[in-house]
Amino acid sequence: MANTTATDLAAGQIAMVGTARYTYEADTVCTKLFTKMTLGAGEKSMYIPKFGTVTASDLTDGLDMTDAQQLTITGTTHTTDEAGCKVIITKKLRHQMKEDAYRAAGRVIGNAMTKKIDTDGTALFSGLNAGVGATATTFSIDYLTAALSQCWGQAEPVPEPMSCVMHPHVYHEIKDLLSTLATGGVSDATMDKHLLGKFRGRDKLYGTPIYVTSHCTPNSSNDSYGAVFSKMALLYLVGWAPETWVEEDKSLRGWEIGIVSDYAMVEEDGTYGRKLYFNLSAPTS
């Protein structure tokens, strides 16, 4: 007696398609930590002036003050550029796909734009005027406090607020150091409470919040730039915020779904921070 198996009738079977998943992207940090400025209607660039300093002198009783000081001003000019991407959904694809093709396309291109803006921001870290660390150097908490001390101790102290951004693998060295406190006689309950407030984006060392993102991309030596910086050091200049569109192309028998933004991530003052340059090999313990 012959048995009919699933393989025999494969042509009559329909494969189940599960709910689609999306490639996860790292959170965007730079757009919130940089100073954000927006160009107004009719403006093509942003000019930011800065006054210099004057010198106060000792005076002699009864004598006129003759040493007048002169005000000086310098400035920087920044412009924006467009960036964007699009996908094309054909009519045939739309009808054959279970998942909402429009919604999927919108989410994917939106993720692409936010990733580009953020990586443009983290790419500025290497351009800061000074920093700590070197190729193949392992990060430690001493480097972070040294960078902050340099910021406060220079001739023009770095204005508050300050933030720190680094790759999660670099940050692991801080977490690892904090974990070793438990070996010094600190109870588990105390240690848990301590780590709760000293972990990832909520971490504050020298009063400086630390944010981690994989958008601090590695170079060919597997090193990466992070930074400690003032909000005034780096600028997120917006011509217009990301805009999306859907446009039908009759001859193509499909729809263009795109996104475009006019912006610039720029360094306003390279002395208002310190770059952190360290190895980011994946931690194993």
C-alpha atoms as a PDB file:
ATOM      1  CA  MET A   1       0.000   0.000   0.000  1.00  0.00           C
ATOM      2  CA  ALA A   2       1.538   3.302  -1.100  1.00  0.00           C
ATOM      3  CA  ASN A   3       1.757   6.203   1.327  1.00  0.00           C
ATOM      4  CA  THR A   4       1.277   9.783   0.163  1.00  0.00           C
ATOM      5  CA  THR A   5       3.911  11.990   1.815  1.00  0.00           C
ATOM      6  CA  ALA A   6       4.313  15.729   2.105  1.00  0.00           C
ATOM      7  CA  THR A   7       7.037  15.659  -0.510  1.00  0.00           C
ATOM      8  CA  ASP A   8       4.672  14.057  -3.030  1.00  0.00           C
ATOM      9  CA  LEU A   9       2.276  16.994  -2.852  1.00  0.00           C
ATOM     10  CA  ALA A  10       4.801  19.810  -2.357  1.00  0.00           C
ATOM     11  CA  ALA A  11       3.378  21.671  -5.358  1.00  0.00           C
ATOM     12  CA  GLY A  12       0.079  22.074  -3.537  1.00  0.00           C
ATOM     13  CA  GLN A  13       1.505  23.471  -0.328  1.00  0.00           C
ATOM     14  CA  ILE A  14       1.845  27.111   0.662  1.00  0.00           C
ATOM     15  CA  ALA A  15       4.821  28.225   2.764  1.00  0.00           C
ATOM     16  CA  MET A  16       3.966  30.288   5.817  1.00  0.00           C
ATOM     17  CA  VAL A  17       5.485  33.773   5.901  1.00  0.00           C
ATOM     18  CA  GLY A  18       6.013  35.082   9.418  1.00  0.00           C
ATOM     19  CA  THR A  19       5.911  38.692  10.577  1.00  0.00           C
ATOM     20  CA  ALA A  20       8.833  40.540   9.048  1.00  0.00           C
ATOM     21  CA  ARG A  21      11.712  41.655  11.235  1.00  0.00           C
ATOM     22  CA  TYR A  22      13.950  44.655  10.671  1.00  0.00           C
ATOM     23  CA  THR A  23      17.677  45.152  11.073  1.00  0.00           C
ATOM     24  CA  TYR A  24      18.138  46.899  14.395  1.00  0.00           C
ATOM     25  CA  GLU A  25      19.996  50.219  14.348  1.00  0.00           C
ATOM     26  CA  ALA A  26      21.919  51.839  17.196  1.00  0.00           C
ATOM     27  CA  ASP A  27      20.246  54.761  18.934  1.00  0.00           C
ATOM     28  CA  THR A  28      20.997  58.252  17.670  1.00  0.00           C
ATOM     29  CA  VAL A  29      22.871  60.397  20.198  1.00  0.00           C
ATOM     30  CA  CYS A  30      24.577  63.271  18.376  1.00  0.00           C
ATOM     31  CA  THR A  31      21.451  65.152  17.340  1.00  0.00           C
ATOM     32  CA  LYS A  32      20.568  65.580  21.034  1.00  0.00           C
ATOM     33  CA  LEU A  33      24.059  66.226  22.404  1.00  0.00           C
ATOM     34  CA  PHE A  34      25.204  68.786  19.797  1.00  0.00           C
ATOM     35  CA  THR A  35      23.942  72.357  19.699  1.00  0.00           C
ATOM     36  CA  LYS A  36      21.054  72.352  17.228  1.00  0.00           C
ATOM     37  CA  MET A  37      20.450  75.393  15.038  1.00  0.00           C
ATOM     38  CA  THR A  38      17.991  75.774  12.184  1.00  0.00           C
ATOM     39  CA  LEU A  39      18.313  77.990   9.137  1.00  0.00           C
ATOM     40  CA  GLY A  40      15.376  80.307   8.609  1.00  0.00           C
ATOM     41  CA  ALA A  41      13.567  81.038   5.368  1.00  0.00           C
ATOM     42  CA  GLY A  42      15.870  82.851   2.950  1.00  0.00           C
ATOM     43  CA  GLU A  43      19.045  81.935   4.863  1.00  0.00           C
ATOM     44  CA  LYS A  44      21.801  79.927   3.146  1.00  0.00           C
ATOM     45  CA  SER A  45      24.319  79.730   5.990  1.00  0.00           C
ATOM     46  CA  MET A  46      24.839  80.298   9.695  1.00  0.00           C
ATOM     47  CA  TYR A  47      27.430  82.804  10.954  1.00  0.00           C
ATOM     48  CA  ILE A  48      28.441  82.436  14.600  1.00  0.00           C
ATOM     49  CA  PRO A  49      30.444  85.357  16.032  1.00  0.00           C
ATOM     50  CA  LYS A  50      32.665  85.129  19.101  1.00  0.00           C
ATOM     51  CA  PHE A  51      34.081  88.004  21.147  1.00  0.00           C
ATOM     52  CA  GLY A  52      37.690  87.918  22.274  1.00  0.00           C
ATOM     53  CA  THR A  53      38.987  88.927  25.712  1.00  0.00           C
ATOM     54  CA  VAL A  54      40.489  92.107  27.167  1.00  0.00           C
ATOM     55  CA  THR A  55      43.039  92.551  29.934  1.00  0.00           C
ATOM     56  CA  ALA A  56      42.407  94.308  33.242  1.00  0.00           C
ATOM     57  CA  SER A  57      45.352  96.260  34.739  1.00  0.00           C
ATOM     58  CA  ASP A  58      46.387  97.632  38.126  1.00  0.00           C
ATOM     59  CA  LEU A  59      45.577 101.315  38.656  1.00  0.00           C
ATOM     60  CA  THR A  60      47.301 104.074  40.636  1.00  0.00           C
ATOM     61  CA  ASP A  61      45.265 106.323  42.859  1.00  0.00           C
ATOM     62  CA  GLY A  62      44.820 109.746  41.333  1.00  0.00           C
ATOM     63  CA  LEU A  63      46.030 108.814  37.858  1.00  0.00           C
ATOM     64  CA  ASP A  64      43.825 108.524  34.799  1.00  0.00           C
ATOM     65  CA  MET A  65      43.131 105.096  33.268  1.00  0.00           C
ATOM     66  CA  THR A  66      44.769 105.445  29.859  1.00  0.00           C
ATOM     67  CA  ASP A  67      45.223 101.843  28.780  1.00  0.00           C
ATOM     68  CA  ALA A  68      42.021 101.345  26.792  1.00  0.00           C
ATOM     69  CA  GLN A  69      41.282  97.829  25.569  1.00  0.00           C
ATOM     70  CA  GLN A  70      39.942  97.042  22.109  1.00  0.00           C
ATOM     71  CA  LEU A  71      37.067  94.679  21.527  1.00  0.00           C
ATOM     72  CA  THR A  72      37.683  91.992  18.899  1.00  0.00           C
ATOM     73  CA  ILE A  73      35.363  89.536  17.255  1.00  0.00           C
ATOM     74  CA  THR A  74      35.882  86.441  15.115  1.00  0.00           C
ATOM     75  CA  GLY A  75      33.363  84.085  13.606  1.00  0.00           C
ATOM     76  CA  THR A  76      32.665  80.900  11.723  1.00  0.00           C
ATOM     77  CA  THR A  77      30.291  80.278   8.834  1.00  0.00           C
ATOM     78  CA  HIS A  78      28.540  76.950   8.270  1.00  0.00           C
ATOM     79  CA  THR A  79      26.384  75.723   5.399  1.00  0.00           C
ATOM     80  CA  THR A  80      24.240  72.633   4.886  1.00  0.00           C
ATOM     81  CA  ASP A  81      24.082  69.892   2.250  1.00  0.00           C
ATOM     82  CA  GLU A  82      21.365  67.475   1.187  1.00  0.00           C
ATOM     83  CA  ALA A  83      21.410  63.767   1.906  1.00  0.00           C
ATOM     84  CA  GLY A  84      18.815  61.114   1.205  1.00  0.00           C
ATOM     85  CA  CYS A  85      17.886  57.716  -0.153  1.00  0.00           C
ATOM     86  CA  LYS A  86      14.940  56.046  -1.880  1.00  0.00           C
ATOM     87  CA  VAL A  87      13.520  52.644  -2.741  1.00  0.00           C
ATOM     88  CA  ILE A  88      11.169  51.690  -5.556  1.00  0.00           C
ATOM     89  CA  ILE A  89       8.194  49.442  -4.869  1.00  0.00           C
ATOM     90  CA  THR A  90       6.658  47.997  -8.035  1.00  0.00           C
ATOM     91  CA  LYS A  91       2.955  47.311  -8.317  1.00  0.00           C
ATOM     92  CA  LYS A  92       3.696  43.615  -8.806  1.00  0.00           C
ATOM     93  CA  LEU A  93       5.737  43.489  -5.599  1.00  0.00           C
ATOM     94  CA  ARG A  94       3.092  45.335  -3.611  1.00  0.00           C
ATOM     95  CA  HIS A  95       0.433  42.822  -4.591  1.00  0.00           C
ATOM     96  CA  GLN A  96       2.570  39.762  -3.971  1.00  0.00           C
ATOM     97  CA  MET A  97       4.051  40.764  -0.618  1.00  0.00           C
ATOM     98  CA  LYS A  98       2.193  39.972   2.612  1.00  0.00           C
ATOM     99  CA  GLU A  99       4.018  42.631   4.614  1.00  0.00           C
ATOM    100  CA  ASP A 100       2.961  46.255   4.018  1.00  0.00           C
ATOM    101  CA  ALA A 101       5.643  47.226   1.485  1.00  0.00           C
ATOM    102  CA  TYR A 102       5.122  50.965   1.984  1.00  0.00           C
ATOM    103  CA  ARG A 103       5.478  50.720   5.734  1.00  0.00           C
ATOM    104  CA  ALA A 104       8.564  48.526   5.436  1.00  0.00           C
ATOM    105  CA  ALA A 105      10.210  50.917   2.983  1.00  0.00           C
ATOM    106  CA  GLY A 106       9.450  53.931   5.161  1.00  0.00           C
ATOM    107  CA  ARG A 107      10.967  52.336   8.219  1.00  0.00           C
ATOM    108  CA  VAL A 108      14.103  51.187   6.406  1.00  0.00           C
ATOM    109  CA  ILE A 109      14.860  54.535   4.759  1.00  0.00           C
ATOM    110  CA  GLY A 110      14.104  56.368   7.995  1.00  0.00           C
ATOM    111  CA  ASN A 111      16.636  54.201   9.818  1.00  0.00           C
ATOM    112  CA  ALA A 112      19.165  54.844   7.052  1.00  0.00           C
ATOM    113  CA  MET A 113      18.826  58.617   7.381  1.00  0.00           C
ATOM    114  CA  THR A 114      19.120  58.740  11.165  1.00  0.00           C
ATOM    115  CA  LYS A 115      22.163  56.456  11.007  1.00  0.00           C
ATOM    116  CA  LYS A 116      23.869  58.709   8.456  1.00  0.00           C
ATOM    117  CA  ILE A 117      23.217  61.851  10.500  1.00  0.00           C
ATOM    118  CA  ASP A 118      24.577  60.234  13.651  1.00  0.00           C
ATOM    119  CA  THR A 119      27.678  58.743  12.019  1.00  0.00           C
ATOM    120  CA  ASP A 120      28.391  62.144  10.450  1.00  0.00           C
ATOM    121  CA  GLY A 121      28.344  63.457  14.012  1.00  0.00           C
ATOM    122  CA  THR A 122      30.636  60.839  15.547  1.00  0.00           C
ATOM    123  CA  ALA A 123      33.054  61.323  12.619  1.00  0.00           C
ATOM    124  CA  LEU A 124      33.757  64.810  14.006  1.00  0.00           C
ATOM    125  CA  PHE A 125      35.361  63.446  17.172  1.00  0.00           C
ATOM    126  CA  SER A 126      38.694  62.780  15.490  1.00  0.00           C
ATOM    127  CA  GLY A 127      38.915  66.449  14.491  1.00  0.00           C
ATOM    128  CA  LEU A 128      38.927  67.871  18.019  1.00  0.00           C
ATOM    129  CA  ASN A 129      42.157  69.775  18.703  1.00  0.00           C
ATOM    130  CA  ALA A 130      43.528  67.478  21.416  1.00  0.00           C
ATOM    131  CA  GLY A 131      42.816  64.191  23.096  1.00  0.00           C
ATOM    132  CA  VAL A 132      43.975  61.136  25.009  1.00  0.00           C
ATOM    133  CA  GLY A 133      44.692  57.577  23.957  1.00  0.00           C
ATOM    134  CA  ALA A 134      46.504  56.032  21.005  1.00  0.00           C
ATOM    135  CA  THR A 135      46.365  53.120  18.592  1.00  0.00           C
ATOM    136  CA  ALA A 136      45.921  49.743  20.345  1.00  0.00           C
ATOM    137  CA  THR A 137      45.569  51.454  23.749  1.00  0.00           C
ATOM    138  CA  THR A 138      43.091  49.958  26.219  1.00  0.00           C
ATOM    139  CA  PHE A 139      40.738  52.492  27.741  1.00  0.00           C
ATOM    140  CA  SER A 140      40.612  53.092  31.481  1.00  0.00           C
ATOM    141  CA  ILE A 141      38.693  55.474  33.688  1.00  0.00           C
ATOM    142  CA  ASP A 142      41.877  57.510  34.270  1.00  0.00           C
ATOM    143  CA  TYR A 143      41.879  58.594  30.626  1.00  0.00           C
ATOM    144  CA  LEU A 144      38.354  59.924  30.949  1.00  0.00           C
ATOM    145  CA  THR A 145      39.083  61.939  34.075  1.00  0.00           C
ATOM    146  CA  ALA A 146      42.296  63.218  32.482  1.00  0.00           C
ATOM    147  CA  ALA A 147      40.384  64.421  29.422  1.00  0.00           C
ATOM    148  CA  LEU A 148      37.844  66.203  31.607  1.00  0.00           C
ATOM    149  CA  SER A 149      40.571  67.778  33.727  1.00  0.00           C
ATOM    150  CA  GLN A 150      42.259  69.066  30.570  1.00  0.00           C
ATOM    151  CA  CYS A 151      38.986  70.639  29.445  1.00  0.00           C
ATOM    152  CA  TRP A 152      38.524  72.494  32.723  1.00  0.00           C
ATOM    153  CA  GLY A 153      42.177  73.422  33.154  1.00  0.00           C
ATOM    154  CA  GLN A 154      42.888  75.058  29.801  1.00  0.00           C
ATOM    155  CA  ALA A 155      43.138  78.836  29.375  1.00  0.00           C
ATOM    156  CA  GLU A 156      39.518  79.019  28.253  1.00  0.00           C
ATOM    157  CA  PRO A 157      37.662  76.390  30.292  1.00  0.00           C
ATOM    158  CA  VAL A 158      35.232  74.292  28.319  1.00  0.00           C
ATOM    159  CA  PRO A 159      31.669  75.516  28.940  1.00  0.00           C
ATOM    160  CA  GLU A 160      29.115  73.222  30.540  1.00  0.00           C
ATOM    161  CA  PRO A 161      27.214  71.032  29.971  1.00  0.00           C
ATOM    162  CA  MET A 162      29.613  68.330  28.853  1.00  0.00           C
ATOM    163  CA  SER A 163      28.892  64.824  27.612  1.00  0.00           C
ATOM    164  CA  CYS A 164      30.885  61.738  26.705  1.00  0.00           C
ATOM    165  CA  VAL A 165      30.206  59.420  23.764  1.00  0.00           C
ATOM    166  CA  MET A 166      32.083  56.185  23.172  1.00  0.00           C
ATOM    167  CA  HIS A 167      31.747  52.723  21.653  1.00  0.00           C
ATOM    168  CA  PRO A 168      30.137  50.066  23.938  1.00  0.00           C
ATOM    169  CA  HIS A 169      33.312  47.948  23.821  1.00  0.00           C
ATOM    170  CA  VAL A 170      35.365  50.881  25.119  1.00  0.00           C
ATOM    171  CA  TYR A 171      32.802  51.608  27.818  1.00  0.00           C
ATOM    172  CA  HIS A 172      33.033  48.017  28.999  1.00  0.00           C
ATOM    173  CA  GLU A 173      36.319  48.868  30.696  1.00  0.00           C
ATOM    174  CA  ILE A 174      34.457  51.297  32.982  1.00  0.00           C
ATOM    175  CA  LYS A 175      31.777  48.769  33.784  1.00  0.00           C
ATOM    176  CA  ASP A 176      34.445  46.146  34.451  1.00  0.00           C
ATOM    177  CA  LEU A 177      36.265  48.489  36.822  1.00  0.00           C
ATOM    178  CA  LEU A 178      33.100  49.296  38.744  1.00  0.00           C
ATOM    179  CA  SER A 179      32.327  45.593  39.053  1.00  0.00           C
ATOM    180  CA  THR A 180      35.650  44.964  40.812  1.00  0.00           C
ATOM    181  CA  LEU A 181      34.486  47.171  43.688  1.00  0.00           C
ATOM    182  CA  ALA A 182      32.496  44.187  44.921  1.00  0.00           C
ATOM    183  CA  THR A 183      35.748  42.415  45.825  1.00  0.00           C
ATOM    184  CA  GLY A 184      36.654  45.137  48.286  1.00  0.00           C
ATOM    185  CA  GLY A 185      34.122  44.199  50.927  1.00  0.00           C
ATOM    186  CA  VAL A 186      31.098  45.968  49.420  1.00  0.00           C
ATOM    187  CA  SER A 187      27.882  44.008  49.913  1.00  0.00           C
ATOM    188  CA  ASP A 188      25.977  42.657  46.916  1.00  0.00           C
ATOM    189  CA  ALA A 189      22.973  44.860  47.714  1.00  0.00           C
ATOM    190  CA  THR A 190      25.129  47.979  47.830  1.00  0.00           C
ATOM    191  CA  MET A 191      26.937  46.946  44.680  1.00  0.00           C
ATOM    192  CA  ASP A 192      23.690  46.370  42.764  1.00  0.00           C
ATOM    193  CA  LYS A 193      22.437  49.796  43.760  1.00  0.00           C
ATOM    194  CA  HIS A 194      25.750  51.376  42.802  1.00  0.00           C
ATOM    195  CA  LEU A 195      25.866  49.749  39.380  1.00  0.00           C
ATOM    196  CA  LEU A 196      22.245  50.620  38.662  1.00  0.00           C
ATOM    197  CA  GLY A 197      23.157  54.301  38.600  1.00  0.00           C
ATOM    198  CA  LYS A 198      26.528  53.740  36.956  1.00  0.00           C
ATOM    199  CA  PHE A 199      25.596  51.861  33.826  1.00  0.00           C
ATOM    200  CA  ARG A 200      25.615  52.875  30.152  1.00  0.00           C
ATOM    201  CA  GLY A 201      23.765  56.115  29.328  1.00  0.00           C
ATOM    202  CA  ARG A 202      23.076  56.955  32.957  1.00  0.00           C
ATOM    203  CA  ASP A 203      26.695  56.776  34.022  1.00  0.00           C
ATOM    204  CA  LYS A 204      28.102  59.980  35.520  1.00  0.00           C
ATOM    205  CA  LEU A 205      31.792  60.339  36.216  1.00  0.00           C
ATOM    206  CA  TYR A 206      32.991  63.798  37.215  1.00  0.00           C
ATOM    207  CA  GLY A 207      29.366  64.784  36.690  1.00  0.00           C
ATOM    208  CA  THR A 208      29.554  63.855  33.006  1.00  0.00           C
ATOM    209  CA  PRO A 209      26.897  61.597  31.461  1.00  0.00           C
ATOM    210  CA  ILE A 210      28.266  58.835  29.234  1.00  0.00           C
ATOM    211  CA  TYR A 211      26.463  57.598  26.127  1.00  0.00           C
ATOM    212  CA  VAL A 212      27.400  54.520  24.119  1.00  0.00           C
ATOM    213  CA  THR A 213      26.781  53.909  20.438  1.00  0.00           C
ATOM    214  CA  SER A 214      28.185  51.562  17.822  1.00  0.00           C
ATOM    215  CA  HIS A 215      28.133  54.515  15.428  1.00  0.00           C
ATOM    216  CA  CYS A 216      31.653  55.207  16.733  1.00  0.00           C
ATOM    217  CA  THR A 217      32.883  53.024  13.897  1.00  0.00           C
ATOM    218  CA  PRO A 218      36.274  51.258  14.014  1.00  0.00           C
ATOM    219  CA  ASN A 219      39.121  51.978  11.608  1.00  0.00           C
ATOM    220  CA  SER A 220      41.421  49.443   9.949  1.00  0.00           C
ATOM    221  CA  SER A 221      43.357  49.052  13.219  1.00  0.00           C
ATOM    222  CA  ASN A 222      40.146  48.267  15.130  1.00  0.00           C
ATOM    223  CA  ASP A 223      40.463  51.523  17.058  1.00  0.00           C
ATOM    224  CA  SER A 224      37.683  54.026  17.457  1.00  0.00           C
ATOM    225  CA  TYR A 225      37.207  57.687  18.350  1.00  0.00           C
ATOM    226  CA  GLY A 226      34.913  58.776  21.131  1.00  0.00           C
ATOM    227  CA  ALA A 227      34.886  62.189  22.764  1.00  0.00           C
ATOM    228  CA  VAL A 228      34.281  64.294  25.824  1.00  0.00           C
ATOM    229  CA  PHE A 229      32.837  67.587  24.646  1.00  0.00           C
ATOM    230  CA  SER A 230      30.782  70.635  25.445  1.00  0.00           C
ATOM    231  CA  LYS A 231      27.412  71.041  23.770  1.00  0.00           C
ATOM    232  CA  MET A 232      28.894  74.192  22.216  1.00  0.00           C
ATOM    233  CA  ALA A 233      31.805  72.335  20.574  1.00  0.00           C
ATOM    234  CA  LEU A 234      29.789  70.617  17.870  1.00  0.00           C
ATOM    235  CA  LEU A 235      26.841  71.833  15.866  1.00  0.00           C
ATOM    236  CA  TYR A 236      23.865  70.148  14.224  1.00  0.00           C
ATOM    237  CA  LEU A 237      22.768  72.700  11.629  1.00  0.00           C
ATOM    238  CA  VAL A 238      19.421  71.993   9.983  1.00  0.00           C
ATOM    239  CA  GLY A 239      18.251  73.436   6.691  1.00  0.00           C
ATOM    240  CA  TRP A 240      15.180  71.248   6.866  1.00  0.00           C
ATOM    241  CA  ALA A 241      14.381  68.164   8.900  1.00  0.00           C
ATOM    242  CA  PRO A 242      14.067  64.767   7.186  1.00  0.00           C
ATOM    243  CA  GLU A 243      11.119  64.724   4.781  1.00  0.00           C
ATOM    244  CA  THR A 244       9.598  61.649   3.143  1.00  0.00           C
ATOM    245  CA  TRP A 245       7.648  61.311  -0.066  1.00  0.00           C
ATOM    246  CA  VAL A 246       5.721  58.736  -2.089  1.00  0.00           C
ATOM    247  CA  GLU A 247       5.507  59.330  -5.840  1.00  0.00           C
ATOM    248  CA  GLU A 248       3.917  57.100  -8.447  1.00  0.00           C
ATOM    249  CA  ASP A 249       5.819  56.420 -11.668  1.00  0.00           C
ATOM    250  CA  LYS A 250       3.253  55.288 -14.246  1.00  0.00           C
ATOM    251  CA  SER A 251       5.715  54.033 -16.853  1.00  0.00           C
ATOM    252  CA  LEU A 252       7.681  52.154 -14.213  1.00  0.00           C
ATOM    253  CA  ARG A 253       4.464  50.732 -12.749  1.00  0.00           C
ATOM    254  CA  GLY A 254       5.627  51.438  -9.268  1.00  0.00           C
ATOM    255  CA  TRP A 255       6.151  53.979  -6.521  1.00  0.00           C
ATOM    256  CA  GLU A 256       9.245  55.831  -5.341  1.00  0.00           C
ATOM    257  CA  ILE A 257       9.459  56.083  -1.562  1.00  0.00           C
ATOM    258  CA  GLY A 258      12.227  58.392  -0.426  1.00  0.00           C
ATOM    259  CA  ILE A 259      13.616  60.589   2.290  1.00  0.00           C
ATOM    260  CA  VAL A 260      15.807  63.684   2.114  1.00  0.00           C
ATOM    261  CA  SER A 261      17.247  66.111   4.637  1.00  0.00           C
ATOM    262  CA  ASP A 262      19.350  69.267   4.422  1.00  0.00           C
ATOM    263  CA  TYR A 263      21.780  69.473   7.319  1.00  0.00           C
ATOM    264  CA  ALA A 264      25.396  69.654   8.458  1.00  0.00           C
ATOM    265  CA  MET A 265      27.272  68.173  11.390  1.00  0.00           C
ATOM    266  CA  VAL A 266      30.137  70.598  11.987  1.00  0.00           C
ATOM    267  CA  GLU A 267      32.816  71.441  14.521  1.00  0.00           C
ATOM    268  CA  GLU A 268      32.266  74.895  15.967  1.00  0.00           C
ATOM    269  CA  ASP A 269      35.192  74.988  18.419  1.00  0.00           C
ATOM    270  CA  GLY A 270      37.727  72.160  18.530  1.00  0.00           C
ATOM    271  CA  THR A 271      39.108  73.301  21.900  1.00  0.00           C
ATOM    272  CA  TYR A 272      35.776  72.650  23.627  1.00  0.00           C
ATOM    273  CA  GLY A 273      36.395  68.929  24.051  1.00  0.00           C
ATOM    274  CA  ARG A 274      38.865  66.061  23.934  1.00  0.00           C
ATOM    275  CA  LYS A 275      38.904  63.067  21.600  1.00  0.00           C
ATOM    276  CA  LEU A 276      39.193  59.592  23.090  1.00  0.00           C
ATOM    277  CA  TYR A 277      41.089  57.184  20.826  1.00  0.00           C
ATOM    278  CA  PHE A 278      41.150  53.562  21.982  1.00  0.00           C
ATOM    279  CA  ASN A 279      41.029  49.966  20.894  1.00  0.00           C
ATOM    280  CA  LEU A 280      37.575  48.424  20.781  1.00  0.00           C
ATOM    281  CA  SER A 281      38.173  44.702  20.682  1.00  0.00           C
ATOM    282  CA  ALA A 282      35.049  42.867  21.802  1.00  0.00           C
ATOM    283  CA  PRO A 283      35.230  42.104  25.542  1.00  0.00           C
ATOM    284  CA  THR A 284      35.370  38.449  26.575  1.00  0.00           C
ATOM    285  CA  SER A 285      35.035  38.835  30.334  1.00  0.00           C
END
